Protein backbone atom coordinates (compact mmCIF):
# COMPACT_ATOMS: atom_id res chain seq x y z
CA UNK A 1 1.04 56.46 -21.92
CA UNK A 2 0.55 59.67 -23.92
CA UNK A 3 2.25 59.61 -27.32
CA UNK A 4 1.48 60.98 -30.76
CA UNK A 5 -0.60 58.67 -32.95
CA UNK A 6 2.39 57.90 -35.20
CA UNK A 7 5.02 57.52 -32.47
CA UNK A 8 7.43 54.73 -33.38
CA UNK A 9 5.74 54.22 -36.78
CA UNK A 10 6.88 57.00 -39.09
CA UNK A 11 10.05 56.13 -40.94
CA UNK A 12 10.24 52.60 -39.47
CA UNK A 13 10.05 49.18 -41.12
CA UNK A 14 7.42 46.67 -40.01
CA UNK A 15 6.69 43.01 -40.63
CA UNK A 16 3.23 41.51 -40.15
CA UNK A 17 3.10 37.71 -40.18
CA UNK A 18 -0.28 36.52 -41.36
CA UNK A 19 -0.73 39.84 -43.11
CA UNK A 20 -3.48 38.67 -45.47
CA UNK A 21 -5.95 37.80 -42.73
CA UNK A 22 -8.75 40.14 -41.71
CA UNK A 23 -6.76 41.67 -38.85
CA UNK A 24 -3.39 41.44 -40.60
CA UNK A 25 -4.50 43.25 -43.75
CA UNK A 26 -6.21 46.00 -41.75
CA UNK A 27 -3.03 46.39 -39.68
CA UNK A 28 -0.80 46.60 -42.77
CA UNK A 29 -3.00 49.30 -44.30
CA UNK A 30 -3.06 51.30 -41.06
CA UNK A 31 0.72 51.13 -40.70
CA UNK A 32 1.11 52.40 -44.26
CA UNK A 33 -1.42 55.16 -43.63
CA UNK A 34 0.47 56.31 -40.53
CA UNK A 35 3.71 56.80 -42.43
CA UNK A 36 5.67 53.57 -41.98
CA UNK A 37 8.72 53.55 -44.26
CA UNK A 38 8.11 49.94 -45.21
CA UNK A 39 5.45 47.33 -44.40
CA UNK A 40 5.97 43.65 -45.26
CA UNK A 41 3.40 40.89 -45.05
CA UNK A 42 4.58 37.30 -44.59
CA UNK A 43 1.90 34.83 -45.59
CA UNK A 44 1.47 31.35 -47.02
CA UNK A 45 1.55 31.01 -50.82
CA UNK A 46 -1.90 29.37 -50.62
CA UNK A 47 -3.23 32.69 -49.32
CA UNK A 48 -2.22 34.33 -52.62
CA UNK A 49 -4.33 33.12 -55.55
CA UNK A 50 -3.01 33.56 -59.08
CA UNK A 51 -5.69 36.15 -59.78
CA UNK A 52 -5.18 39.21 -57.54
CA UNK A 53 -8.04 39.80 -55.12
CA UNK A 54 -9.27 43.23 -54.01
CA UNK A 55 -7.33 42.58 -50.78
CA UNK A 56 -4.09 42.12 -52.71
CA UNK A 57 -4.82 45.19 -54.80
CA UNK A 58 -5.49 47.43 -51.81
CA UNK A 59 -2.33 46.25 -50.05
CA UNK A 60 -0.19 46.71 -53.14
CA UNK A 61 -1.67 50.15 -53.76
CA UNK A 62 -0.68 51.08 -50.20
CA UNK A 63 2.87 49.95 -50.91
CA UNK A 64 2.78 46.81 -48.74
CA UNK A 65 5.37 44.21 -49.78
CA UNK A 66 3.79 40.75 -50.04
CA UNK A 67 6.20 37.94 -49.18
CA UNK A 68 5.31 34.28 -49.69
CA UNK A 69 6.57 32.13 -46.86
CA UNK A 70 5.79 29.87 -43.94
CA UNK A 71 6.57 30.77 -40.33
CA UNK A 72 7.45 27.13 -39.69
CA UNK A 73 10.43 27.54 -42.05
CA UNK A 74 13.25 29.55 -40.50
CA UNK A 75 14.68 30.71 -43.82
CA UNK A 76 11.31 32.23 -44.80
CA UNK A 77 11.08 34.04 -41.48
CA UNK A 78 14.66 35.33 -41.83
CA UNK A 79 13.91 36.62 -45.33
CA UNK A 80 10.87 38.56 -44.12
CA UNK A 81 12.26 39.95 -40.85
CA UNK A 82 15.74 41.06 -41.88
CA UNK A 83 16.10 44.82 -41.37
CA UNK A 84 12.74 45.33 -39.60
CA UNK A 85 12.30 47.62 -36.60
CA UNK A 86 9.14 45.98 -35.25
CA UNK A 87 7.30 42.70 -35.83
CA UNK A 88 3.61 41.93 -35.37
CA UNK A 89 3.30 38.15 -35.11
CA UNK A 90 -0.28 37.38 -36.12
CA UNK A 91 0.18 34.15 -38.10
CA UNK A 92 -1.60 31.20 -36.51
CA UNK A 93 -3.58 28.11 -37.43
CA UNK A 94 -6.47 26.13 -35.98
CA UNK A 95 -8.70 28.68 -34.32
CA UNK A 96 -11.97 27.09 -35.49
CA UNK A 97 -13.59 24.58 -37.80
CA UNK A 98 -11.71 21.72 -39.47
CA UNK A 99 -8.38 23.41 -38.79
CA UNK A 100 -8.83 22.84 -35.05
CA UNK A 101 -8.61 19.08 -35.56
CA UNK A 102 -5.19 19.14 -37.25
CA UNK A 103 -3.23 19.12 -34.00
CA UNK A 104 0.18 18.55 -35.58
CA UNK A 105 -0.11 21.52 -37.91
CA UNK A 106 -1.64 23.66 -35.15
CA UNK A 107 1.32 23.09 -32.85
CA UNK A 108 3.85 23.40 -35.66
CA UNK A 109 2.50 26.76 -36.82
CA UNK A 110 1.68 28.29 -33.46
CA UNK A 111 4.65 27.05 -31.43
CA UNK A 112 7.46 26.29 -33.88
CA UNK A 113 6.50 29.33 -35.95
CA UNK A 114 6.65 31.56 -32.88
CA UNK A 115 10.06 30.15 -31.91
CA UNK A 116 11.35 30.95 -35.41
CA UNK A 117 10.07 34.52 -35.17
CA UNK A 118 11.66 34.99 -31.74
CA UNK A 119 15.01 33.60 -32.96
CA UNK A 120 15.03 35.83 -36.03
CA UNK A 121 14.17 38.90 -33.97
CA UNK A 122 17.18 38.29 -31.74
CA UNK A 123 19.47 37.47 -34.65
CA UNK A 124 18.66 40.70 -36.45
CA UNK A 125 18.55 42.92 -33.37
CA UNK A 126 14.85 43.74 -33.73
CA UNK A 127 13.69 45.66 -30.67
CA UNK A 128 9.90 45.18 -30.65
CA UNK A 129 7.63 42.14 -31.04
CA UNK A 130 3.86 42.29 -30.53
CA UNK A 131 2.24 38.87 -30.34
CA UNK A 132 -1.44 38.32 -31.15
CA UNK A 133 -2.54 35.83 -28.51
CA UNK A 134 -6.03 34.66 -27.55
CA UNK A 135 -8.57 34.46 -24.73
CA UNK A 136 -7.96 30.70 -24.94
CA UNK A 137 -4.77 31.01 -22.89
CA UNK A 138 -6.91 31.51 -19.77
CA UNK A 139 -10.33 30.27 -20.89
CA UNK A 140 -11.09 26.59 -21.41
CA UNK A 141 -14.77 26.24 -20.63
CA UNK A 142 -15.07 27.52 -17.06
CA UNK A 143 -17.03 30.69 -16.30
CA UNK A 144 -15.00 33.90 -15.92
CA UNK A 145 -16.73 37.15 -14.99
CA UNK A 146 -14.83 40.42 -15.45
CA UNK A 147 -11.49 38.62 -15.47
CA UNK A 148 -8.17 40.41 -15.78
CA UNK A 149 -4.54 39.75 -16.60
CA UNK A 150 -3.97 38.23 -13.18
CA UNK A 151 -6.05 35.21 -14.26
CA UNK A 152 -3.80 32.12 -14.36
CA UNK A 153 -3.05 30.26 -17.57
CA UNK A 154 -5.55 27.48 -18.20
CA UNK A 155 -3.88 24.10 -17.49
CA UNK A 156 -2.43 22.91 -20.78
CA UNK A 157 -3.40 19.28 -20.25
CA UNK A 158 -7.03 20.31 -19.58
CA UNK A 159 -7.48 22.72 -22.47
CA UNK A 160 -10.25 21.39 -24.76
CA UNK A 161 -8.47 22.01 -28.06
CA UNK A 162 -4.99 22.10 -29.63
CA UNK A 163 -5.29 25.78 -30.53
CA UNK A 164 -5.72 26.86 -26.92
CA UNK A 165 -2.81 24.70 -25.79
CA UNK A 166 -0.51 25.98 -28.52
CA UNK A 167 -1.36 29.65 -27.93
CA UNK A 168 -0.78 29.21 -24.20
CA UNK A 169 2.69 27.79 -24.79
CA UNK A 170 3.56 30.33 -27.48
CA UNK A 171 2.49 33.33 -25.39
CA UNK A 172 4.63 32.21 -22.47
CA UNK A 173 7.60 31.79 -24.80
CA UNK A 174 7.06 35.32 -26.13
CA UNK A 175 6.77 36.92 -22.71
CA UNK A 176 9.74 35.02 -21.27
CA UNK A 177 11.89 36.18 -24.18
CA UNK A 178 11.22 39.80 -23.21
CA UNK A 179 14.37 41.77 -22.43
CA UNK A 180 16.85 39.27 -23.88
CA UNK A 181 19.80 40.86 -25.72
CA UNK A 182 20.29 40.53 -29.45
CA UNK A 183 22.58 37.72 -30.60
CA UNK A 184 24.50 40.22 -32.70
CA UNK A 185 25.76 41.93 -29.52
CA UNK A 186 24.84 45.38 -30.82
CA UNK A 187 23.45 46.41 -27.46
CA UNK A 188 19.81 45.99 -28.57
CA UNK A 189 17.28 44.14 -26.46
CA UNK A 190 14.10 42.47 -27.68
CA UNK A 191 10.99 43.75 -25.92
CA UNK A 192 7.82 41.70 -26.26
CA UNK A 193 4.17 41.83 -25.25
CA UNK A 194 0.98 39.90 -25.98
CA UNK A 195 -2.44 41.16 -27.01
CA UNK A 196 -5.33 38.84 -26.12
CA UNK A 197 -8.34 39.71 -28.29
CA UNK A 198 -11.94 38.71 -27.81
CA UNK A 199 -13.92 37.17 -30.66
CA UNK A 200 -13.24 39.34 -33.69
CA UNK A 201 -15.95 40.71 -35.96
CA UNK A 202 -15.79 42.93 -38.98
CA UNK A 203 -15.94 42.86 -42.79
CA UNK A 204 -14.75 39.50 -44.14
CA UNK A 205 -14.09 37.89 -40.76
CA UNK A 206 -13.82 34.14 -41.40
CA UNK A 207 -15.90 32.94 -38.43
CA UNK A 208 -18.83 35.00 -39.64
CA UNK A 209 -18.31 33.69 -43.18
CA UNK A 210 -18.73 30.17 -41.84
CA UNK A 211 -21.84 31.15 -39.89
CA UNK A 212 -23.41 32.82 -42.95
CA UNK A 213 -22.66 29.74 -45.07
CA UNK A 214 -24.49 27.50 -42.60
CA UNK A 215 -27.45 29.88 -42.50
CA UNK A 216 -27.58 30.04 -46.30
CA UNK A 217 -27.88 26.24 -46.41
CA UNK A 218 -30.66 26.35 -43.81
CA UNK A 219 -28.57 24.51 -41.20
CA UNK A 220 -28.45 27.11 -38.44
CA UNK A 221 -31.27 26.08 -36.13
CA UNK A 222 -30.04 26.45 -32.57
CA UNK A 223 -28.98 29.10 -30.14
CA UNK A 224 -26.53 27.75 -27.59
CA UNK A 225 -27.02 28.72 -23.96
CA UNK A 226 -29.58 31.17 -22.60
CA UNK A 227 -29.81 34.92 -23.11
CA UNK A 228 -27.76 35.52 -19.94
CA UNK A 229 -24.66 33.98 -21.51
CA UNK A 230 -22.42 36.89 -22.45
CA UNK A 231 -18.94 37.18 -23.84
CA UNK A 232 -16.67 39.78 -25.38
CA UNK A 233 -16.30 40.78 -29.01
CA UNK A 234 -13.87 43.23 -30.59
CA UNK A 235 -14.25 45.08 -33.87
CA UNK A 236 -11.29 44.63 -36.18
CA UNK A 237 -10.35 48.33 -36.22
CA UNK A 238 -10.36 48.45 -32.42
CA UNK A 239 -8.04 45.45 -32.35
CA UNK A 240 -5.71 47.10 -34.86
CA UNK A 241 -5.61 50.18 -32.63
CA UNK A 242 -4.68 48.01 -29.64
CA UNK A 243 -1.86 46.35 -31.60
CA UNK A 244 -0.44 49.73 -32.61
CA UNK A 245 -0.62 51.03 -29.06
CA UNK A 246 1.10 47.88 -27.83
CA UNK A 247 3.95 48.47 -30.29
CA UNK A 248 4.30 52.02 -28.95
CA UNK A 249 4.32 50.62 -25.43
CA UNK A 250 7.48 48.69 -26.34
CA UNK A 251 9.47 51.78 -27.29
CA UNK A 252 12.56 52.02 -25.06
CA UNK A 253 13.40 55.66 -25.73
CA UNK A 254 10.39 57.37 -24.17
CA UNK A 255 11.53 60.28 -21.97
CA UNK A 256 11.40 59.23 -18.34
CA UNK A 257 11.21 55.52 -19.19
CA UNK A 258 14.46 54.95 -21.09
CA UNK A 259 15.15 51.21 -21.25
CA UNK A 260 11.90 50.42 -19.42
CA UNK A 261 9.06 50.09 -21.96
CA UNK A 262 5.68 50.18 -20.26
CA UNK A 263 4.34 47.15 -22.16
CA UNK A 264 7.48 45.01 -22.00
CA UNK A 265 6.66 41.48 -20.83
CA UNK A 266 2.97 42.30 -20.40
CA UNK A 267 -0.27 40.77 -21.69
CA UNK A 268 -3.45 42.75 -22.40
CA UNK A 269 -7.05 41.73 -22.86
CA UNK A 270 -8.69 43.64 -25.70
CA UNK A 271 -12.41 43.95 -26.45
CA UNK A 272 -15.08 46.53 -27.25
CA UNK A 273 -15.61 47.26 -23.57
CA UNK A 274 -19.01 45.63 -22.96
CA UNK A 275 -19.94 41.92 -22.89
CA UNK A 276 -22.87 40.89 -25.09
CA UNK A 277 -24.95 37.86 -25.96
CA UNK A 278 -23.48 36.56 -29.21
CA UNK A 279 -26.78 35.73 -30.90
CA UNK A 280 -28.51 38.99 -30.03
CA UNK A 281 -25.43 41.09 -30.79
CA UNK A 282 -24.19 39.82 -34.13
CA UNK A 283 -25.82 36.57 -35.31
CA UNK A 284 -29.47 37.61 -35.50
CA UNK A 285 -28.90 41.12 -36.96
CA UNK A 286 -26.53 39.75 -39.60
CA UNK A 287 -28.79 36.91 -40.73
CA UNK A 288 -31.90 39.08 -40.81
CA UNK A 289 -30.10 41.62 -42.98
CA UNK A 290 -29.26 38.83 -45.45
CA UNK A 291 -32.82 37.47 -45.40
CA UNK A 292 -31.71 34.15 -43.91
CA UNK A 293 -33.55 32.39 -41.13
CA UNK A 294 -32.30 33.11 -37.60
CA UNK A 295 -31.90 30.25 -35.10
CA UNK A 296 -35.11 29.90 -33.09
CA UNK A 297 -34.57 26.75 -31.04
CA UNK A 298 -32.38 26.79 -27.95
CA UNK A 299 -29.81 24.19 -26.95
CA UNK A 300 -28.19 24.10 -23.52
CA UNK A 301 -24.46 23.63 -23.09
CA UNK A 302 -24.70 19.94 -22.21
CA UNK A 303 -26.59 19.15 -25.42
CA UNK A 304 -24.23 21.32 -27.46
CA UNK A 305 -21.22 19.48 -26.06
CA UNK A 306 -22.74 16.10 -26.96
CA UNK A 307 -23.34 17.25 -30.52
CA UNK A 308 -19.90 18.85 -30.76
CA UNK A 309 -18.15 15.70 -29.56
CA UNK A 310 -20.03 13.63 -32.12
CA UNK A 311 -18.86 16.07 -34.80
CA UNK A 312 -15.31 15.84 -33.45
CA UNK A 313 -15.39 12.02 -33.60
CA UNK A 314 -16.84 11.91 -37.13
CA UNK A 315 -14.35 14.41 -38.49
CA UNK A 316 -11.43 12.65 -36.87
CA UNK A 317 -12.46 9.57 -38.85
CA UNK A 318 -12.16 11.78 -41.93
CA UNK A 319 -8.77 13.13 -40.83
CA UNK A 320 -6.90 12.37 -44.12
CA UNK A 321 -9.33 14.67 -45.96
CA UNK A 322 -9.59 17.57 -43.50
CA UNK A 323 -7.61 19.84 -45.78
CA UNK A 324 -9.86 19.20 -48.79
CA UNK A 325 -12.21 21.98 -49.85
CA UNK A 326 -15.00 19.55 -50.71
CA UNK A 327 -15.30 18.46 -47.06
CA UNK A 328 -17.68 20.94 -45.38
CA UNK A 329 -17.00 22.55 -42.04
CA UNK A 330 -18.40 20.75 -38.96
CA UNK A 331 -21.50 22.23 -37.39
CA UNK A 332 -19.81 22.80 -34.05
CA UNK A 333 -16.82 21.57 -32.05
CA UNK A 334 -16.29 21.51 -28.25
CA UNK A 335 -14.19 24.73 -28.04
CA UNK A 336 -16.89 26.60 -29.97
CA UNK A 337 -19.63 25.20 -27.74
CA UNK A 338 -17.80 26.56 -24.69
CA UNK A 339 -17.28 29.98 -26.30
CA UNK A 340 -20.99 30.29 -27.10
CA UNK A 341 -22.47 28.57 -24.07
CA UNK A 342 -20.31 29.74 -21.13
CA UNK A 343 -20.18 33.27 -19.74
CA UNK A 344 -16.68 34.72 -19.96
CA UNK A 345 -15.64 38.32 -20.29
CA UNK A 346 -12.65 40.42 -19.24
CA UNK A 347 -11.76 43.93 -18.17
CA UNK A 348 -9.74 46.22 -20.46
CA UNK A 349 -8.68 48.43 -17.54
CA UNK A 350 -5.00 47.48 -17.82
CA UNK A 351 -4.90 48.24 -21.56
CA UNK A 352 -6.70 51.52 -20.92
CA UNK A 353 -4.32 52.64 -18.15
CA UNK A 354 -1.00 51.44 -19.59
CA UNK A 355 -1.56 51.74 -23.34
CA UNK A 356 -4.27 54.37 -23.51
CA UNK A 357 -6.59 51.95 -25.32
CA UNK A 358 -10.13 53.23 -25.81
CA UNK A 359 -12.30 51.53 -28.47
CA UNK A 360 -12.81 54.03 -31.30
CA UNK A 361 -15.58 52.15 -33.11
CA UNK A 362 -18.76 51.53 -31.13
CA UNK A 363 -20.40 48.09 -31.22
CA UNK A 364 -23.39 49.56 -33.09
CA UNK A 365 -21.18 51.07 -35.80
CA UNK A 366 -19.08 47.90 -35.97
CA UNK A 367 -22.12 45.70 -36.51
CA UNK A 368 -23.48 48.09 -39.14
CA UNK A 369 -20.19 48.01 -41.06
CA UNK A 370 -20.09 44.22 -40.84
CA UNK A 371 -23.67 43.88 -42.04
CA UNK A 372 -23.04 46.25 -44.95
CA UNK A 373 -20.05 44.21 -46.06
CA UNK A 374 -21.96 40.92 -46.05
CA UNK A 375 -24.94 42.46 -47.84
CA UNK A 376 -22.66 43.72 -50.59
CA UNK A 377 -20.90 40.36 -50.72
CA UNK A 378 -24.23 38.59 -51.17
CA UNK A 379 -25.15 40.93 -54.03
CA UNK A 380 -21.92 40.07 -55.82
CA UNK A 381 -22.19 36.30 -55.46
CA UNK A 382 -24.39 33.51 -56.69
CA UNK A 383 -27.24 32.94 -54.28
CA UNK A 384 -29.26 29.77 -53.95
CA UNK A 385 -31.83 27.72 -52.04
CA UNK A 386 -31.21 25.73 -48.89
CA UNK A 387 -29.59 22.31 -48.85
CA UNK A 388 -33.05 20.75 -48.49
CA UNK A 389 -34.07 22.07 -51.91
CA UNK A 390 -30.86 20.66 -53.36
CA UNK A 391 -31.51 17.24 -51.85
CA UNK A 392 -35.21 17.20 -52.81
CA UNK A 393 -34.63 18.13 -56.46
CA UNK A 394 -31.47 16.11 -57.09
CA UNK A 395 -32.76 12.97 -55.38
CA UNK A 396 -36.13 13.37 -57.12
CA UNK A 397 -34.55 13.57 -60.58
CA UNK A 398 -32.28 10.62 -59.76
CA UNK A 399 -35.24 8.54 -58.55
CA UNK A 400 -37.22 9.20 -61.76
CA UNK A 401 -34.18 8.38 -63.90
CA UNK A 402 -33.61 5.08 -62.07
CA UNK A 403 -37.26 4.09 -62.41
CA UNK A 404 -37.31 5.00 -66.11
CA UNK A 405 -34.08 3.46 -67.37
CA UNK A 406 -32.59 1.03 -64.83
CA UNK A 407 -33.75 -2.51 -64.03
CA UNK A 408 -35.75 -2.83 -60.78
CA UNK A 409 -33.24 -4.89 -58.82
CA UNK A 410 -31.93 -4.54 -55.29
CA UNK A 411 -32.62 -1.15 -53.71
CA UNK A 412 -34.18 0.10 -56.98
CA UNK A 413 -37.07 -2.36 -56.69
CA UNK A 414 -39.25 -0.27 -54.36
CA UNK A 415 -38.38 2.94 -56.20
CA UNK A 416 -39.57 1.34 -59.46
CA UNK A 417 -42.91 0.13 -58.11
CA UNK A 418 -43.65 3.44 -56.37
CA UNK A 419 -43.25 5.21 -59.72
CA UNK A 420 -45.32 2.56 -61.49
CA UNK A 421 -48.08 3.04 -58.90
CA UNK A 422 -48.06 6.82 -59.50
CA UNK A 423 -47.54 6.98 -63.27
CA UNK A 424 -48.96 3.54 -64.28
CA UNK A 425 -46.37 2.72 -66.96
CA UNK A 426 -42.68 2.93 -67.78
CA UNK A 427 -43.44 4.98 -70.88
CA UNK A 428 -45.12 7.67 -68.79
CA UNK A 429 -42.21 7.65 -66.31
CA UNK A 430 -39.76 8.21 -69.18
CA UNK A 431 -41.93 10.97 -70.60
CA UNK A 432 -42.04 12.67 -67.20
CA UNK A 433 -38.24 12.45 -66.92
CA UNK A 434 -37.71 13.93 -70.39
CA UNK A 435 -40.19 16.74 -69.70
CA UNK A 436 -38.48 17.48 -66.37
CA UNK A 437 -35.07 17.70 -68.08
CA UNK A 438 -36.45 19.94 -70.85
CA UNK A 439 -38.15 22.17 -68.28
CA UNK A 440 -34.97 22.48 -66.22
CA UNK A 441 -32.88 23.34 -69.27
CA UNK A 442 -35.48 25.91 -70.33
CA UNK A 443 -35.44 27.46 -66.86
CA UNK A 444 -31.64 27.49 -66.97
CA UNK A 445 -31.64 29.33 -70.29
CA UNK A 446 -34.12 31.88 -68.98
CA UNK A 447 -32.00 32.29 -65.84
CA UNK A 448 -28.95 32.97 -68.03
CA UNK A 449 -30.89 35.57 -70.04
CA UNK A 450 -32.18 37.28 -66.89
CA UNK A 451 -28.83 37.12 -65.08
CA UNK A 452 -27.12 38.89 -67.99
CA UNK A 453 -29.23 41.89 -67.02
CA UNK A 454 -29.24 41.75 -63.22
CA UNK A 455 -26.07 39.78 -62.33
CA UNK A 456 -23.84 39.45 -65.41
CA UNK A 457 -20.73 38.32 -63.49
CA UNK A 458 -22.55 35.20 -62.29
CA UNK A 459 -24.70 34.50 -65.36
CA UNK A 460 -23.03 31.15 -66.12
CA UNK A 461 -23.38 30.09 -62.52
CA UNK A 462 -27.06 30.95 -62.54
CA UNK A 463 -27.50 28.90 -65.73
CA UNK A 464 -25.93 25.74 -64.32
CA UNK A 465 -27.53 26.05 -60.90
CA UNK A 466 -30.99 26.66 -62.33
CA UNK A 467 -30.56 23.83 -64.85
CA UNK A 468 -29.85 21.54 -61.91
CA UNK A 469 -32.42 22.88 -59.43
CA UNK A 470 -35.12 24.36 -61.63
CA UNK A 471 -37.54 26.82 -60.09
CA UNK A 472 -35.98 26.67 -56.60
CA UNK A 473 -32.91 28.41 -58.05
CA UNK A 474 -34.84 30.61 -60.49
CA UNK A 475 -36.90 31.92 -57.58
CA UNK A 476 -33.73 33.29 -55.93
CA UNK A 477 -32.74 35.06 -59.16
CA UNK A 478 -36.22 36.56 -59.60
CA UNK A 479 -36.06 37.86 -56.05
CA UNK A 480 -32.71 39.51 -56.80
CA UNK A 481 -34.13 41.06 -59.97
CA UNK A 482 -37.07 42.52 -58.05
CA UNK A 483 -34.82 43.98 -55.35
CA UNK A 484 -32.59 45.56 -57.99
CA UNK A 485 -35.54 47.22 -59.69
CA UNK A 486 -36.96 48.62 -56.46
C-alpha cells in the first residue's frame, strides 16, 4: 500500500477512545500534526485531574477536544463519535497489576465498551474503525516462535487472565462487524481491523512506571526465566505509526481497490522487528540510569508462577479494596510471569506487506528516549530510600516510644526489657527518644533549607520525609545536591 503520509487524515474528524493514555495521547498529537480537521479524545473523568497536567496542556494546545465519558455508557460513546470519519478504539482496562483482578470491570470495559463503539459507528455511518488489540488473543503461556496472523485464538476458557479473554472476544466482534452497512441506510459500510501490539515502551508508559516504583523501594530482586527467553517490544511512536497506517488501509476509495480496503477484516502483529530479552533490553538499562539496583537473582518460570499465584490469592482476599490507591500493586501475577518467562515473538511481515509498516524508531533510540524521560521525571520528584529504611526507622522510633512511655504488658514486655538491658533505665530511654525526635526535626529543617535551593517544588515533601526518616532521607537529598552542582 503506497499512500501519502496524510492520506485519509487531512480534513477528517477522528475520535480516540482512551486518548489520555501513553499511546492514545501520542496518537491524538500525531493526528493533529498531520492535519486532521478535528481530533476528540474520549476518556474517563478520573483520568482528568482538576489541575491540568502537561499532557492535558499539550493536547489542548494541539487543538484536541477532551471529552469526559465512559465507553461502557452508550450515551457517552454516542456523544463522542457523532460526526466522526474514523475511530481508534484504544480504551481498555485490566492489562496488568491490580486491574487484572477486577474481572467484572475488565469484561464490562473491554467487551461491552467495544460493543457500544461498534453500535455507534454503524448508527452514525462511520466508515473506519481501528481496534487496539493485544498479543494476549493468541498467547496464553505457551511458547510461540516467529508466529503470524494465522495463529489460532487462544482458547478463552484456558486463558490465564480476564484481560486476555476479554480482548479475544472483543477483537472477534470487531472483525466480524467488518463490512456491515450503516443503520442509517446511507450506503456507507463500516470497515474494521485490529492491531495487535507487543509490550509497549516509551516515555510515561505505565508498566515501566510500576517497575521503577518497585525498584525504588528495593523490591526488584529477580529476573524471570533465562537469558534465552525473548519477546517483542514496540516503541510508542512505532505503534502510533502502525495505527495510522491501519486507518489508511481501511480507506474504500483507493484507486484500483474501490470498496475493497486492504486492511478490512484483518489483524496485524506490530513490534519493533526484533525479539529481545526483557531484562537486558529495557529493565537493566533503565534501572542503572536511575541509580537503582538491578535484579541479580534468577527465578525460573515454575517458581515465578508459584509466587504469582500466591499474590493472586492474597489480592483476591483484598478484592473490596483493589481500587484504593493506598493498596500497592502486587509483585507479579500469572499473566505477567508468562510474558516474562516464556519465549513468544511474532513476525511483522503481513503489516509490512499490506500496510507498509516499517518501524521508524530503532530500539536503541527508543530505549534512550525512555531512559531520558524517567531520568527527568526522577529529577522533578521527591526521591527516597528503600522500603527497608522506612521500616527500620519507623519501627525503631515506635519501639523506643513504647518502651519509654507505655506499660510493659503483653507484646510490649520483651520490647521494654530489651531497651532496659541496653539503656539501663527508663529515664535514659526517654532521653534517647526525645533526642531522636529533636535530631529528626533538625534534619528535616535542614532538608527544607537545602531543598529550597536544589529542589524548591518538593521542599515541603523533603521536610516531612526527612523529619520521619532522618539521615536516610537527607542522604538522598545531599546526593541530588551534589549531582546538581557537578
